[in-house]
PDB file of all heavy atoms in Angstrom:
ATOM      1  N   VAL A   1      15.693   5.340 -22.092  1.00  0.00           N
ATOM      2  CA  VAL A   1      15.546   5.843 -20.725  1.00  0.00           C
ATOM      3  C   VAL A   1      14.054   5.890 -20.385  1.00  0.00           C
ATOM      4  O   VAL A   1      13.288   6.592 -21.042  1.00  0.00           O
ATOM      5  CB  VAL A   1      16.173   7.244 -20.546  1.00  0.00           C
ATOM      6  CG1 VAL A   1      15.940   7.746 -19.123  1.00  0.00           C
ATOM      7  CG2 VAL A   1      17.652   7.219 -20.865  1.00  0.00           C
ATOM      8  N   PHE A   2      13.657   5.130 -19.357  1.00  0.00           N
ATOM      9  CA  PHE A   2      12.250   5.050 -18.963  1.00  0.00           C
ATOM     10  C   PHE A   2      12.102   5.555 -17.529  1.00  0.00           C
ATOM     11  O   PHE A   2      12.900   5.209 -16.655  1.00  0.00           O
ATOM     12  CB  PHE A   2      11.738   3.615 -19.069  1.00  0.00           C
ATOM     13  CG  PHE A   2      11.954   3.006 -20.428  1.00  0.00           C
ATOM     14  CD1 PHE A   2      13.013   2.147 -20.668  1.00  0.00           C
ATOM     15  CD2 PHE A   2      11.105   3.315 -21.473  1.00  0.00           C
ATOM     16  CE1 PHE A   2      13.220   1.593 -21.919  1.00  0.00           C
ATOM     17  CE2 PHE A   2      11.296   2.770 -22.732  1.00  0.00           C
ATOM     18  CZ  PHE A   2      12.359   1.907 -22.957  1.00  0.00           C
ATOM     19  N   VAL A   3      11.071   6.361 -17.306  1.00  0.00           N
ATOM     20  CA  VAL A   3      10.865   7.009 -16.011  1.00  0.00           C
ATOM     21  C   VAL A   3       9.480   6.677 -15.477  1.00  0.00           C
ATOM     22  O   VAL A   3       8.494   6.724 -16.210  1.00  0.00           O
ATOM     23  CB  VAL A   3      11.034   8.543 -16.127  1.00  0.00           C
ATOM     24  CG1 VAL A   3      10.790   9.217 -14.775  1.00  0.00           C
ATOM     25  CG2 VAL A   3      12.426   8.891 -16.653  1.00  0.00           C
ATOM     26  N   LEU A   4       9.427   6.342 -14.196  1.00  0.00           N
ATOM     27  CA  LEU A   4       8.162   6.102 -13.507  1.00  0.00           C
ATOM     28  C   LEU A   4       8.133   6.950 -12.244  1.00  0.00           C
ATOM     29  O   LEU A   4       8.973   6.782 -11.360  1.00  0.00           O
ATOM     30  CB  LEU A   4       8.013   4.615 -13.144  1.00  0.00           C
ATOM     31  CG  LEU A   4       6.840   4.255 -12.220  1.00  0.00           C
ATOM     32  CD1 LEU A   4       5.516   4.623 -12.860  1.00  0.00           C
ATOM     33  CD2 LEU A   4       6.879   2.781 -11.842  1.00  0.00           C
ATOM     34  N   GLU A   5       7.181   7.872 -12.175  1.00  0.00           N
ATOM     35  CA  GLU A   5       6.961   8.674 -10.978  1.00  0.00           C
ATOM     36  C   GLU A   5       5.602   8.291 -10.405  1.00  0.00           C
ATOM     37  O   GLU A   5       4.613   8.219 -11.141  1.00  0.00           O
ATOM     38  CB  GLU A   5       7.011  10.167 -11.295  1.00  0.00           C
ATOM     39  CG  GLU A   5       8.393  10.667 -11.677  1.00  0.00           C
ATOM     40  CD  GLU A   5       8.438  12.177 -11.816  1.00  0.00           C
ATOM     41  OE1 GLU A   5       7.359  12.809 -11.779  1.00  0.00           O
ATOM     42  OE2 GLU A   5       9.545  12.726 -11.963  1.00  0.00           O
ATOM     43  N   TYR A   6       5.551   8.076  -9.097  1.00  0.00           N
ATOM     44  CA  TYR A   6       4.298   7.597  -8.518  1.00  0.00           C
ATOM     45  C   TYR A   6       4.230   7.904  -7.026  1.00  0.00           C
ATOM     46  O   TYR A   6       5.235   8.209  -6.381  1.00  0.00           O
ATOM     47  CB  TYR A   6       4.154   6.084  -8.732  1.00  0.00           C
ATOM     48  CG  TYR A   6       5.191   5.249  -8.004  1.00  0.00           C
ATOM     49  CD1 TYR A   6       4.913   4.668  -6.764  1.00  0.00           C
ATOM     50  CD2 TYR A   6       6.453   5.040  -8.553  1.00  0.00           C
ATOM     51  CE1 TYR A   6       5.864   3.907  -6.097  1.00  0.00           C
ATOM     52  CE2 TYR A   6       7.407   4.276  -7.895  1.00  0.00           C
ATOM     53  CZ  TYR A   6       7.105   3.715  -6.670  1.00  0.00           C
ATOM     54  OH  TYR A   6       8.047   2.971  -6.009  1.00  0.00           O
ATOM     55  N   TYR A   7       3.008   7.830  -6.514  1.00  0.00           N
ATOM     56  CA  TYR A   7       2.736   7.880  -5.087  1.00  0.00           C
ATOM     57  C   TYR A   7       2.170   6.525  -4.669  1.00  0.00           C
ATOM     58  O   TYR A   7       1.409   5.904  -5.412  1.00  0.00           O
ATOM     59  CB  TYR A   7       1.731   8.978  -4.753  1.00  0.00           C
ATOM     60  CG  TYR A   7       2.248  10.379  -4.958  1.00  0.00           C
ATOM     61  CD1 TYR A   7       1.977  11.079  -6.130  1.00  0.00           C
ATOM     62  CD2 TYR A   7       3.012  11.005  -3.978  1.00  0.00           C
ATOM     63  CE1 TYR A   7       2.444  12.364  -6.324  1.00  0.00           C
ATOM     64  CE2 TYR A   7       3.487  12.295  -4.169  1.00  0.00           C
ATOM     65  CZ  TYR A   7       3.194  12.972  -5.341  1.00  0.00           C
ATOM     66  OH  TYR A   7       3.672  14.246  -5.536  1.00  0.00           O
ATOM     67  N   LEU A   8       2.513   6.078  -3.488  1.00  0.00           N
ATOM     68  CA  LEU A   8       1.996   4.804  -3.004  1.00  0.00           C
ATOM     69  C   LEU A   8       0.486   4.882  -2.812  1.00  0.00           C
ATOM     70  O   LEU A   8      -0.060   5.917  -2.416  1.00  0.00           O
ATOM     71  CB  LEU A   8       2.662   4.428  -1.675  1.00  0.00           C
ATOM     72  CG  LEU A   8       4.161   4.120  -1.730  1.00  0.00           C
ATOM     73  CD1 LEU A   8       4.671   3.818  -0.327  1.00  0.00           C
ATOM     74  CD2 LEU A   8       4.443   2.940  -2.659  1.00  0.00           C
ATOM     75  N   ASP A   9      -0.195   3.764  -3.091  1.00  0.00           N
ATOM     76  CA  ASP A   9      -1.650   3.754  -2.929  1.00  0.00           C
ATOM     77  C   ASP A   9      -2.063   3.802  -1.471  1.00  0.00           C
ATOM     78  O   ASP A   9      -3.243   4.005  -1.159  1.00  0.00           O
ATOM     79  CB  ASP A   9      -2.267   2.531  -3.619  1.00  0.00           C
ATOM     80  CG  ASP A   9      -1.754   1.220  -3.046  1.00  0.00           C
ATOM     81  OD1 ASP A   9      -0.838   1.250  -2.194  1.00  0.00           O
ATOM     82  OD2 ASP A   9      -2.268   0.165  -3.457  1.00  0.00           O
ATOM     83  N   THR A  10      -1.109   3.622  -0.546  1.00  0.00           N
ATOM     84  CA  THR A  10      -1.432   3.758   0.870  1.00  0.00           C
ATOM     85  C   THR A  10      -1.775   5.206   1.220  1.00  0.00           C
ATOM     86  O   THR A  10      -2.310   5.460   2.305  1.00  0.00           O
ATOM     87  CB  THR A  10      -0.253   3.283   1.738  1.00  0.00           C
ATOM     88  OG1 THR A  10       0.968   3.887   1.256  1.00  0.00           O
ATOM     89  CG2 THR A  10      -0.110   1.774   1.681  1.00  0.00           C
ATOM     90  N   LEU A  11      -1.501   6.143   0.313  1.00  0.00           N
ATOM     91  CA  LEU A  11      -1.857   7.543   0.541  1.00  0.00           C
ATOM     92  C   LEU A  11      -3.367   7.706   0.655  1.00  0.00           C
ATOM     93  O   LEU A  11      -3.876   8.301   1.613  1.00  0.00           O
ATOM     94  CB  LEU A  11      -1.303   8.411  -0.590  1.00  0.00           C
ATOM     95  CG  LEU A  11      -1.636   9.901  -0.538  1.00  0.00           C
ATOM     96  CD1 LEU A  11      -1.104  10.529   0.741  1.00  0.00           C
ATOM     97  CD2 LEU A  11      -1.067  10.624  -1.758  1.00  0.00           C
ATOM     98  N   TRP A  12      -4.115   7.158  -0.337  1.00  0.00           N
ATOM     99  CA  TRP A  12      -5.566   7.294  -0.270  1.00  0.00           C
ATOM    100  C   TRP A  12      -6.176   6.365   0.782  1.00  0.00           C
ATOM    101  O   TRP A  12      -7.212   6.685   1.383  1.00  0.00           O
ATOM    102  CB  TRP A  12      -6.204   7.039  -1.640  1.00  0.00           C
ATOM    103  CG  TRP A  12      -6.224   5.615  -2.118  1.00  0.00           C
ATOM    104  CD1 TRP A  12      -5.328   5.002  -2.932  1.00  0.00           C
ATOM    105  CD2 TRP A  12      -7.216   4.631  -1.806  1.00  0.00           C
ATOM    106  NE1 TRP A  12      -5.678   3.694  -3.149  1.00  0.00           N
ATOM    107  CE2 TRP A  12      -6.839   3.435  -2.478  1.00  0.00           C
ATOM    108  CE3 TRP A  12      -8.377   4.638  -1.037  1.00  0.00           C
ATOM    109  CZ2 TRP A  12      -7.577   2.263  -2.383  1.00  0.00           C
ATOM    110  CZ3 TRP A  12      -9.119   3.456  -0.951  1.00  0.00           C
ATOM    111  CH2 TRP A  12      -8.719   2.288  -1.617  1.00  0.00           C
ATOM    112  N   LYS A  13      -5.522   5.244   1.037  1.00  0.00           N
ATOM    113  CA  LYS A  13      -6.042   4.342   2.069  1.00  0.00           C
ATOM    114  C   LYS A  13      -5.918   4.962   3.456  1.00  0.00           C
ATOM    115  O   LYS A  13      -6.838   4.865   4.282  1.00  0.00           O
ATOM    116  CB  LYS A  13      -5.289   3.006   2.006  1.00  0.00           C
ATOM    117  CG  LYS A  13      -5.528   2.239   0.721  1.00  0.00           C
ATOM    118  CD  LYS A  13      -4.676   0.980   0.652  1.00  0.00           C
ATOM    119  CE  LYS A  13      -4.898   0.248  -0.667  1.00  0.00           C
ATOM    120  NZ  LYS A  13      -4.018  -0.948  -0.797  1.00  0.00           N
ATOM    121  N   GLY A  14      -4.775   5.609   3.716  1.00  0.00           N
ATOM    122  CA  GLY A  14      -4.610   6.296   4.993  1.00  0.00           C
ATOM    123  C   GLY A  14      -5.568   7.468   5.131  1.00  0.00           C
ATOM    124  O   GLY A  14      -6.123   7.708   6.220  1.00  0.00           O
ATOM    125  N   ALA A  15      -5.768   8.195   4.025  1.00  0.00           N
ATOM    126  CA  ALA A  15      -6.697   9.326   4.051  1.00  0.00           C
ATOM    127  C   ALA A  15      -8.124   8.852   4.321  1.00  0.00           C
ATOM    128  O   ALA A  15      -8.877   9.485   5.080  1.00  0.00           O
ATOM    129  CB  ALA A  15      -6.622  10.086   2.732  1.00  0.00           C
ATOM    130  N   LEU A  16      -8.500   7.734   3.699  1.00  0.00           N
ATOM    131  CA  LEU A  16      -9.846   7.194   3.904  1.00  0.00           C
ATOM    132  C   LEU A  16     -10.046   6.758   5.352  1.00  0.00           C
ATOM    133  O   LEU A  16     -11.082   7.046   5.963  1.00  0.00           O
ATOM    134  CB  LEU A  16     -10.079   6.015   2.956  1.00  0.00           C
ATOM    135  CG  LEU A  16     -11.433   5.318   3.065  1.00  0.00           C
ATOM    136  CD1 LEU A  16     -12.563   6.291   2.730  1.00  0.00           C
ATOM    137  CD2 LEU A  16     -11.492   4.102   2.141  1.00  0.00           C
ATOM    138  N   LEU A  17      -9.044   6.083   5.916  1.00  0.00           N
ATOM    139  CA  LEU A  17      -9.130   5.652   7.308  1.00  0.00           C
ATOM    140  C   LEU A  17      -9.244   6.850   8.245  1.00  0.00           C
ATOM    141  O   LEU A  17     -10.050   6.850   9.191  1.00  0.00           O
ATOM    142  CB  LEU A  17      -7.902   4.818   7.668  1.00  0.00           C
ATOM    143  CG  LEU A  17      -7.796   4.345   9.124  1.00  0.00           C
ATOM    144  CD1 LEU A  17      -8.972   3.445   9.487  1.00  0.00           C
ATOM    145  CD2 LEU A  17      -6.472   3.615   9.351  1.00  0.00           C
ATOM    146  N   PHE A  18      -8.476   7.895   7.971  1.00  0.00           N
ATOM    147  CA  PHE A  18      -8.513   9.090   8.801  1.00  0.00           C
ATOM    148  C   PHE A  18      -9.885   9.765   8.744  1.00  0.00           C
ATOM    149  O   PHE A  18     -10.449  10.147   9.779  1.00  0.00           O
ATOM    150  CB  PHE A  18      -7.427  10.068   8.347  1.00  0.00           C
ATOM    151  CG  PHE A  18      -7.417  11.361   9.101  1.00  0.00           C
ATOM    152  CD1 PHE A  18      -6.799  11.453  10.349  1.00  0.00           C
ATOM    153  CD2 PHE A  18      -8.020  12.500   8.571  1.00  0.00           C
ATOM    154  CE1 PHE A  18      -6.797  12.651  11.054  1.00  0.00           C
ATOM    155  CE2 PHE A  18      -8.020  13.697   9.272  1.00  0.00           C
ATOM    156  CZ  PHE A  18      -7.406  13.769  10.510  1.00  0.00           C
ATOM    157  N   VAL A  19     -10.445   9.915   7.542  1.00  0.00           N
ATOM    158  CA  VAL A  19     -11.733  10.585   7.381  1.00  0.00           C
ATOM    159  C   VAL A  19     -12.854   9.795   8.051  1.00  0.00           C
ATOM    160  O   VAL A  19     -13.717  10.364   8.738  1.00  0.00           O
ATOM    161  CB  VAL A  19     -12.038  10.800   5.882  1.00  0.00           C
ATOM    162  CG1 VAL A  19     -13.465  11.284   5.686  1.00  0.00           C
ATOM    163  CG2 VAL A  19     -11.060  11.801   5.285  1.00  0.00           C
ATOM    164  N   VAL A  20     -12.860   8.480   7.875  1.00  0.00           N
ATOM    165  CA  VAL A  20     -13.910   7.650   8.476  1.00  0.00           C
ATOM    166  C   VAL A  20     -13.848   7.728   9.997  1.00  0.00           C
ATOM    167  O   VAL A  20     -14.876   7.908  10.679  1.00  0.00           O
ATOM    168  CB  VAL A  20     -13.772   6.191   7.999  1.00  0.00           C
ATOM    169  CG1 VAL A  20     -14.688   5.271   8.804  1.00  0.00           C
ATOM    170  CG2 VAL A  20     -14.096   6.080   6.518  1.00  0.00           C
ATOM    171  N   CYS A  21     -12.644   7.602  10.548  1.00  0.00           N
ATOM    172  CA  CYS A  21     -12.503   7.653  12.005  1.00  0.00           C
ATOM    173  C   CYS A  21     -12.825   9.043  12.550  1.00  0.00           C
ATOM    174  O   CYS A  21     -13.383   9.181  13.648  1.00  0.00           O
ATOM    175  CB  CYS A  21     -11.091   7.234  12.410  1.00  0.00           C
ATOM    176  SG  CYS A  21     -10.730   5.493  12.102  1.00  0.00           S
ATOM    177  N   LEU A  22     -12.467  10.080  11.787  1.00  0.00           N
ATOM    178  CA  LEU A  22     -12.813  11.441  12.193  1.00  0.00           C
ATOM    179  C   LEU A  22     -14.330  11.629  12.240  1.00  0.00           C
ATOM    180  O   LEU A  22     -14.865  12.265  13.165  1.00  0.00           O
ATOM    181  CB  LEU A  22     -12.187  12.449  11.226  1.00  0.00           C
ATOM    182  CG  LEU A  22     -12.493  13.928  11.488  1.00  0.00           C
ATOM    183  CD1 LEU A  22     -11.942  14.350  12.851  1.00  0.00           C
ATOM    184  CD2 LEU A  22     -11.920  14.794  10.373  1.00  0.00           C
ATOM    185  N   PHE A  23     -15.016  11.051  11.277  1.00  0.00           N
ATOM    186  CA  PHE A  23     -16.482  11.108  11.257  1.00  0.00           C
ATOM    187  C   PHE A  23     -17.063  10.402  12.477  1.00  0.00           C
ATOM    188  O   PHE A  23     -17.994  10.910  13.127  1.00  0.00           O
ATOM    189  CB  PHE A  23     -17.000  10.470   9.973  1.00  0.00           C
ATOM    190  CG  PHE A  23     -18.487  10.327   9.911  1.00  0.00           C
ATOM    191  CD1 PHE A  23     -19.301  11.395   9.554  1.00  0.00           C
ATOM    192  CD2 PHE A  23     -19.091   9.117  10.232  1.00  0.00           C
ATOM    193  CE1 PHE A  23     -20.682  11.269   9.512  1.00  0.00           C
ATOM    194  CE2 PHE A  23     -20.471   8.971  10.196  1.00  0.00           C
ATOM    195  CZ  PHE A  23     -21.259  10.049   9.832  1.00  0.00           C
ATOM    196  N   LEU A  24     -16.515   9.244  12.813  1.00  0.00           N
ATOM    197  CA  LEU A  24     -17.019   8.485  13.962  1.00  0.00           C
ATOM    198  C   LEU A  24     -16.803   9.231  15.268  1.00  0.00           C
ATOM    199  O   LEU A  24     -17.667   9.232  16.155  1.00  0.00           O
ATOM    200  CB  LEU A  24     -16.343   7.110  14.008  1.00  0.00           C
ATOM    201  CG  LEU A  24     -16.619   6.162  12.838  1.00  0.00           C
ATOM    202  CD1 LEU A  24     -15.843   4.872  12.998  1.00  0.00           C
ATOM    203  CD2 LEU A  24     -18.114   5.871  12.713  1.00  0.00           C
ATOM    204  N   VAL A  25     -15.644   9.867  15.388  1.00  0.00           N
ATOM    205  CA  VAL A  25     -15.352  10.614  16.613  1.00  0.00           C
ATOM    206  C   VAL A  25     -16.206  11.876  16.698  1.00  0.00           C
ATOM    207  O   VAL A  25     -16.747  12.221  17.757  1.00  0.00           O
ATOM    208  CB  VAL A  25     -13.849  10.970  16.677  1.00  0.00           C
ATOM    209  CG1 VAL A  25     -13.571  11.937  17.819  1.00  0.00           C
ATOM    210  CG2 VAL A  25     -13.017   9.717  16.849  1.00  0.00           C
ATOM    211  N   SER A  26     -16.337  12.595  15.581  1.00  0.00           N
ATOM    212  CA  SER A  26     -17.044  13.878  15.578  1.00  0.00           C
ATOM    213  C   SER A  26     -18.516  13.716  15.915  1.00  0.00           C
ATOM    214  O   SER A  26     -19.103  14.538  16.642  1.00  0.00           O
ATOM    215  CB  SER A  26     -16.898  14.554  14.213  1.00  0.00           C
ATOM    216  OG  SER A  26     -15.537  14.789  13.915  1.00  0.00           O
ATOM    217  N   PHE A  27     -19.137  12.659  15.403  1.00  0.00           N
ATOM    218  CA  PHE A  27     -20.569  12.480  15.599  1.00  0.00           C
ATOM    219  C   PHE A  27     -20.880  11.463  16.702  1.00  0.00           C
ATOM    220  O   PHE A  27     -22.045  11.130  16.927  1.00  0.00           O
ATOM    221  CB  PHE A  27     -21.231  12.048  14.293  1.00  0.00           C
ATOM    222  CG  PHE A  27     -21.215  13.125  13.236  1.00  0.00           C
ATOM    223  CD1 PHE A  27     -20.178  13.197  12.319  1.00  0.00           C
ATOM    224  CD2 PHE A  27     -22.217  14.079  13.186  1.00  0.00           C
ATOM    225  CE1 PHE A  27     -20.153  14.193  11.356  1.00  0.00           C
ATOM    226  CE2 PHE A  27     -22.209  15.076  12.233  1.00  0.00           C
ATOM    227  CZ  PHE A  27     -21.159  15.148  11.306  1.00  0.00           C
ATOM    228  N   GLY A  28     -19.843  10.953  17.342  1.00  0.00           N
ATOM    229  CA  GLY A  28     -20.048  10.047  18.464  1.00  0.00           C
ATOM    230  C   GLY A  28     -20.793   8.787  18.110  1.00  0.00           C
ATOM    231  O   GLY A  28     -21.597   8.279  18.914  1.00  0.00           O
ATOM    232  N   VAL A  29     -20.556   8.276  16.903  1.00  0.00           N
ATOM    233  CA  VAL A  29     -21.287   7.090  16.438  1.00  0.00           C
ATOM    234  C   VAL A  29     -20.967   5.877  17.294  1.00  0.00           C
ATOM    235  O   VAL A  29     -21.851   5.083  17.645  1.00  0.00           O
ATOM    236  CB  VAL A  29     -20.965   6.812  14.958  1.00  0.00           C
ATOM    237  CG1 VAL A  29     -21.676   5.553  14.492  1.00  0.00           C
ATOM    238  CG2 VAL A  29     -21.357   8.007  14.100  1.00  0.00           C
ATOM    239  N   VAL A  30     -19.718   5.720  17.674  1.00  0.00           N
ATOM    240  CA  VAL A  30     -19.326   4.552  18.469  1.00  0.00           C
ATOM    241  C   VAL A  30     -18.693   5.018  19.779  1.00  0.00           C
ATOM    242  O   VAL A  30     -17.751   4.403  20.273  1.00  0.00           O
ATOM    243  CB  VAL A  30     -18.352   3.647  17.685  1.00  0.00           C
ATOM    244  CG1 VAL A  30     -19.039   2.977  16.536  1.00  0.00           C
ATOM    245  CG2 VAL A  30     -17.145   4.457  17.196  1.00  0.00           C
ATOM    246  N   SER A  31     -19.216   6.095  20.326  1.00  0.00           N
ATOM    247  CA  SER A  31     -18.639   6.621  21.573  1.00  0.00           C
ATOM    248  C   SER A  31     -18.912   5.730  22.768  1.00  0.00           C
ATOM    249  O   SER A  31     -18.170   5.716  23.744  1.00  0.00           O
ATOM    250  CB  SER A  31     -19.186   8.031  21.853  1.00  0.00           C
ATOM    251  OG  SER A  31     -20.602   7.981  21.985  1.00  0.00           O
ATOM    252  N   GLN A  32     -19.988   4.932  22.671  1.00  0.00           N
ATOM    253  CA  GLN A  32     -20.329   4.071  23.798  1.00  0.00           C
ATOM    254  C   GLN A  32     -21.022   2.820  23.293  1.00  0.00           C
ATOM    255  O   GLN A  32     -21.968   2.874  22.509  1.00  0.00           O
ATOM    256  CB  GLN A  32     -21.227   4.807  24.797  1.00  0.00           C
ATOM    257  CG  GLN A  32     -21.354   4.091  26.127  1.00  0.00           C
ATOM    258  CD  GLN A  32     -22.111   4.935  27.141  1.00  0.00           C
ATOM    259  OE1 GLN A  32     -22.885   5.807  26.750  1.00  0.00           O
ATOM    260  NE2 GLN A  32     -21.905   4.681  28.418  1.00  0.00           N
ATOM    261  N   VAL A  33     -20.521   1.655  23.705  1.00  0.00           N
ATOM    262  CA  VAL A  33     -21.120   0.373  23.355  1.00  0.00           C
ATOM    263  C   VAL A  33     -21.304  -0.414  24.642  1.00  0.00           C
ATOM    264  O   VAL A  33     -20.327  -0.684  25.368  1.00  0.00           O
ATOM    265  CB  VAL A  33     -20.246  -0.410  22.367  1.00  0.00           C
ATOM    266  CG1 VAL A  33     -20.859  -1.784  22.094  1.00  0.00           C
ATOM    267  CG2 VAL A  33     -20.092   0.366  21.071  1.00  0.00           C
ATOM    268  N   GLN A  34     -22.557  -0.749  24.959  1.00  0.00           N
ATOM    269  CA  GLN A  34     -22.892  -1.478  26.187  1.00  0.00           C
ATOM    270  C   GLN A  34     -22.305  -0.781  27.411  1.00  0.00           C
ATOM    271  O   GLN A  34     -21.629  -1.368  28.250  1.00  0.00           O
ATOM    272  CB  GLN A  34     -22.385  -2.928  26.102  1.00  0.00           C
ATOM    273  CG  GLN A  34     -23.106  -3.753  25.047  1.00  0.00           C
ATOM    274  CD  GLN A  34     -22.633  -5.199  25.014  1.00  0.00           C
ATOM    275  OE1 GLN A  34     -21.664  -5.562  25.670  1.00  0.00           O
ATOM    276  NE2 GLN A  34     -23.332  -6.016  24.252  1.00  0.00           N
ATOM    277  N   LYS A  35     -22.545   0.551  27.459  1.00  0.00           N
ATOM    278  CA  LYS A  35     -22.144   1.399  28.586  1.00  0.00           C
ATOM    279  C   LYS A  35     -20.626   1.463  28.781  1.00  0.00           C
ATOM    280  O   LYS A  35     -20.141   1.769  29.874  1.00  0.00           O
ATOM    281  CB  LYS A  35     -22.807   0.913  29.876  1.00  0.00           C
ATOM    282  CG  LYS A  35     -24.322   0.981  29.836  1.00  0.00           C
ATOM    283  CD  LYS A  35     -24.916   0.546  31.157  1.00  0.00           C
ATOM    284  CE  LYS A  35     -26.446   0.639  31.111  1.00  0.00           C
ATOM    285  NZ  LYS A  35     -27.065   0.241  32.406  1.00  0.00           N
ATOM    286  N   GLN A  36     -19.866   1.144  27.761  1.00  0.00           N
ATOM    287  CA  GLN A  36     -18.413   1.250  27.823  1.00  0.00           C
ATOM    288  C   GLN A  36     -17.945   2.250  26.773  1.00  0.00           C
ATOM    289  O   GLN A  36     -18.347   2.180  25.619  1.00  0.00           O
ATOM    290  CB  GLN A  36     -17.749  -0.113  27.594  1.00  0.00           C
ATOM    291  CG  GLN A  36     -18.033  -1.126  28.703  1.00  0.00           C
ATOM    292  CD  GLN A  36     -17.269  -2.425  28.480  1.00  0.00           C
ATOM    293  OE1 GLN A  36     -16.602  -2.591  27.467  1.00  0.00           O
ATOM    294  NE2 GLN A  36     -17.372  -3.345  29.428  1.00  0.00           N
ATOM    295  N   ALA A  37     -17.070   3.145  27.182  1.00  0.00           N
ATOM    296  CA  ALA A  37     -16.553   4.164  26.258  1.00  0.00           C
ATOM    297  C   ALA A  37     -15.650   3.505  25.216  1.00  0.00           C
ATOM    298  O   ALA A  37     -14.719   2.771  25.563  1.00  0.00           O
ATOM    299  CB  ALA A  37     -15.780   5.227  27.033  1.00  0.00           C
ATOM    300  N   THR A  38     -15.977   3.765  23.955  1.00  0.00           N
ATOM    301  CA  THR A  38     -15.198   3.151  22.863  1.00  0.00           C
ATOM    302  C   THR A  38     -14.653   4.196  21.901  1.00  0.00           C
ATOM    303  O   THR A  38     -14.225   3.861  20.802  1.00  0.00           O
ATOM    304  CB  THR A  38     -16.080   2.156  22.077  1.00  0.00           C
ATOM    305  OG1 THR A  38     -17.249   2.839  21.602  1.00  0.00           O
ATOM    306  CG2 THR A  38     -16.486   0.987  22.953  1.00  0.00           C
ATOM    307  N   TRP A  39     -14.682   5.491  22.309  1.00  0.00           N
ATOM    308  CA  TRP A  39     -14.199   6.540  21.411  1.00  0.00           C
ATOM    309  C   TRP A  39     -12.707   6.395  21.131  1.00  0.00           C
ATOM    310  O   TRP A  39     -12.194   6.939  20.154  1.00  0.00           O
ATOM    311  CB  TRP A  39     -14.480   7.908  22.029  1.00  0.00           C
ATOM    312  CG  TRP A  39     -13.786   8.125  23.356  1.00  0.00           C
ATOM    313  CD1 TRP A  39     -14.286   7.877  24.584  1.00  0.00           C
ATOM    314  CD2 TRP A  39     -12.456   8.612  23.528  1.00  0.00           C
ATOM    315  NE1 TRP A  39     -13.362   8.170  25.550  1.00  0.00           N
ATOM    316  CE2 TRP A  39     -12.229   8.633  24.922  1.00  0.00           C
ATOM    317  CE3 TRP A  39     -11.445   9.024  22.670  1.00  0.00           C
ATOM    318  CZ2 TRP A  39     -11.033   9.047  25.475  1.00  0.00           C
ATOM    319  CZ3 TRP A  39     -10.247   9.447  23.216  1.00  0.00           C
ATOM    320  CH2 TRP A  39     -10.035   9.461  24.609  1.00  0.00           C
ATOM    321  N   GLY A  40     -11.982   5.658  21.978  1.00  0.00           N
ATOM    322  CA  GLY A  40     -10.539   5.510  21.787  1.00  0.00           C
ATOM    323  C   GLY A  40     -10.177   4.740  20.528  1.00  0.00           C
ATOM    324  O   GLY A  40      -9.120   4.975  19.936  1.00  0.00           O
ATOM    325  N   PHE A  41     -11.051   3.829  20.097  1.00  0.00           N
ATOM    326  CA  PHE A  41     -10.748   3.038  18.902  1.00  0.00           C
ATOM    327  C   PHE A  41     -10.716   3.893  17.640  1.00  0.00           C
ATOM    328  O   PHE A  41      -9.745   3.852  16.885  1.00  0.00           O
ATOM    329  CB  PHE A  41     -11.755   1.892  18.774  1.00  0.00           C
ATOM    330  CG  PHE A  41     -11.626   0.856  19.843  1.00  0.00           C
ATOM    331  CD1 PHE A  41     -12.517   0.812  20.900  1.00  0.00           C
ATOM    332  CD2 PHE A  41     -10.595  -0.075  19.813  1.00  0.00           C
ATOM    333  CE1 PHE A  41     -12.395  -0.136  21.900  1.00  0.00           C
ATOM    334  CE2 PHE A  41     -10.468  -1.039  20.806  1.00  0.00           C
ATOM    335  CZ  PHE A  41     -11.362  -1.061  21.860  1.00  0.00           C
ATOM    336  N   PRO A  42     -11.749   4.705  17.354  1.00  0.00           N
ATOM    337  CA  PRO A  42     -11.647   5.575  16.175  1.00  0.00           C
ATOM    338  C   PRO A  42     -10.567   6.636  16.318  1.00  0.00           C
ATOM    339  O   PRO A  42      -9.979   7.062  15.323  1.00  0.00           O
ATOM    340  CB  PRO A  42     -13.046   6.197  16.071  1.00  0.00           C
ATOM    341  CG  PRO A  42     -13.668   6.028  17.408  1.00  0.00           C
ATOM    342  CD  PRO A  42     -13.085   4.786  17.974  1.00  0.00           C
TER     343      PRO A  42
END
């Protein structure tokens, strides 16, 4: 009897994407590009 318990690696990938985008939104890094609002992307 062999058992494998695991979490998908998309867990850390989703967390990384969330943290990076949260950083961009919080500090307004990409809030405006060429006078166009781009905060919606992050």
